[in-house]
Amino acid sequence: MPSSLGFGAVFVISKAGDHARKQAVHAALQHAGIAHEWFDATMGADLSPAEVAAVYDEQGALAHKTISRRLHPTMIGCFLSHRRLYAEVEQKGPALRPGAGG
């Protein structure tokens, strides 16, 4: 469903479930005429040490000066949420990609 701004729905990454923040975002987007689709976030605090280690080498990142500080689990969860969303968009094809027309 296109928004009143002339583009398709936007994805909103949010904690799963119904909660006040999600309701507020929904109301604001609806008021602005922006169609949206929810995508459940990966909660960094819920990740096991093995899941974190699979995507983040803290010592390697710090040693190579890739980052100047340790990543907090919420940052890792945010990264994983976006990566999962990008993978879903790729899997569903060009109809979901920005600038794909339509």
Protein backbone atom coordinates (compact mmCIF):
# COMPACT_ATOMS: atom_id res chain seq x y z
CA MET A 1 0.00 0.00 0.00
CA PRO A 2 1.63 3.26 -1.07
CA SER A 3 1.95 6.12 1.36
CA SER A 4 0.49 9.54 0.74
CA LEU A 5 4.07 10.62 -0.05
CA GLY A 6 4.23 8.46 -3.17
CA PHE A 7 6.37 5.56 -2.01
CA GLY A 8 5.62 2.09 -0.69
CA ALA A 9 5.60 1.06 2.92
CA VAL A 10 8.62 1.65 5.10
CA PHE A 11 10.02 -0.95 7.46
CA VAL A 12 10.11 -0.15 11.16
CA ILE A 13 12.43 -2.28 13.26
CA SER A 14 11.02 -2.59 16.76
CA LYS A 15 10.98 -4.84 19.77
CA ALA A 16 8.45 -7.63 19.26
CA GLY A 17 5.06 -7.32 20.90
CA ASP A 18 2.65 -4.53 21.56
CA HIS A 19 4.13 -1.74 23.65
CA ALA A 20 3.71 2.00 24.18
CA ARG A 21 6.62 3.07 21.98
CA LYS A 22 5.38 0.95 19.10
CA GLN A 23 1.88 2.39 19.48
CA ALA A 24 3.28 5.94 19.42
CA VAL A 25 5.35 5.26 16.29
CA HIS A 26 2.35 3.66 14.59
CA ALA A 27 0.17 6.68 15.40
CA ALA A 28 2.78 9.15 14.14
CA LEU A 29 3.35 7.27 10.88
CA GLN A 30 -0.37 6.82 10.31
CA HIS A 31 -0.95 10.54 10.96
CA ALA A 32 1.78 11.38 8.43
CA GLY A 33 0.24 9.05 5.85
CA ILE A 34 3.25 6.73 5.80
CA ALA A 35 2.42 3.08 5.22
CA HIS A 36 4.64 0.85 7.33
CA GLU A 37 5.47 -2.74 8.09
CA TRP A 38 6.86 -3.97 11.42
CA PHE A 39 10.03 -6.02 11.60
CA ASP A 40 10.92 -7.63 14.92
CA ALA A 41 14.24 -6.48 16.31
CA THR A 42 17.01 -8.76 17.49
CA MET A 43 17.43 -7.90 21.14
CA GLY A 44 21.13 -7.77 21.95
CA ALA A 45 20.55 -8.54 25.61
CA ASP A 46 18.98 -11.86 24.59
CA LEU A 47 21.99 -13.01 22.55
CA SER A 48 24.16 -15.79 23.89
CA PRO A 49 27.94 -15.30 24.05
CA ALA A 50 28.25 -17.70 21.09
CA GLU A 51 25.79 -15.66 19.01
CA VAL A 52 27.72 -12.47 19.78
CA ALA A 53 31.08 -14.13 19.00
CA ALA A 54 29.72 -15.28 15.63
CA VAL A 55 29.37 -11.66 14.47
CA TYR A 56 31.73 -9.63 16.65
CA ASP A 57 35.40 -10.13 17.41
CA GLU A 58 35.90 -7.58 20.16
CA GLN A 59 39.65 -8.04 20.54
CA GLY A 60 40.20 -8.02 16.78
CA ALA A 61 38.13 -4.87 16.31
CA LEU A 62 39.92 -3.04 19.12
CA ALA A 63 43.36 -4.19 17.98
CA HIS A 64 42.75 -3.04 14.40
CA LYS A 65 41.29 0.27 15.55
CA THR A 66 38.09 -0.52 13.65
CA ILE A 67 36.21 0.94 16.58
CA SER A 68 37.39 3.02 19.51
CA ARG A 69 35.31 1.24 22.15
CA ARG A 70 33.60 -2.05 22.89
CA LEU A 71 30.22 -2.56 21.28
CA HIS A 72 27.30 -2.80 23.67
CA PRO A 73 24.94 -5.76 23.15
CA THR A 74 22.22 -3.36 21.99
CA MET A 75 24.50 -2.19 19.15
CA ILE A 76 25.10 -5.77 18.10
CA GLY A 77 21.37 -6.48 18.20
CA CYS A 78 20.74 -3.38 16.08
CA PHE A 79 23.30 -4.54 13.51
CA LEU A 80 21.76 -8.02 13.39
CA SER A 81 18.25 -6.57 13.02
CA HIS A 82 19.29 -4.49 10.02
CA ARG A 83 21.22 -7.40 8.49
CA ARG A 84 18.17 -9.67 8.80
CA LEU A 85 15.95 -7.01 7.25
CA TYR A 86 18.36 -6.46 4.35
CA ALA A 87 18.44 -10.22 3.74
CA GLU A 88 14.64 -10.36 3.67
CA VAL A 89 14.45 -7.45 1.23
CA GLU A 90 17.01 -9.19 -1.01
CA GLN A 91 15.06 -12.45 -0.85
CA LYS A 92 11.74 -10.80 -1.71
CA GLY A 93 13.25 -9.14 -4.74
CA PRO A 94 13.35 -5.77 -6.44
CA ALA A 95 9.81 -4.79 -5.52
CA LEU A 96 11.03 -3.93 -2.00
CA ARG A 97 14.29 -2.24 -2.90
CA PRO A 98 14.46 1.56 -2.82
CA GLY A 99 14.44 3.08 -6.29
CA ALA A 100 13.11 -0.10 -7.89
CA GLY A 101 10.14 1.74 -9.28
CA GLY A 102 6.47 1.07 -8.81
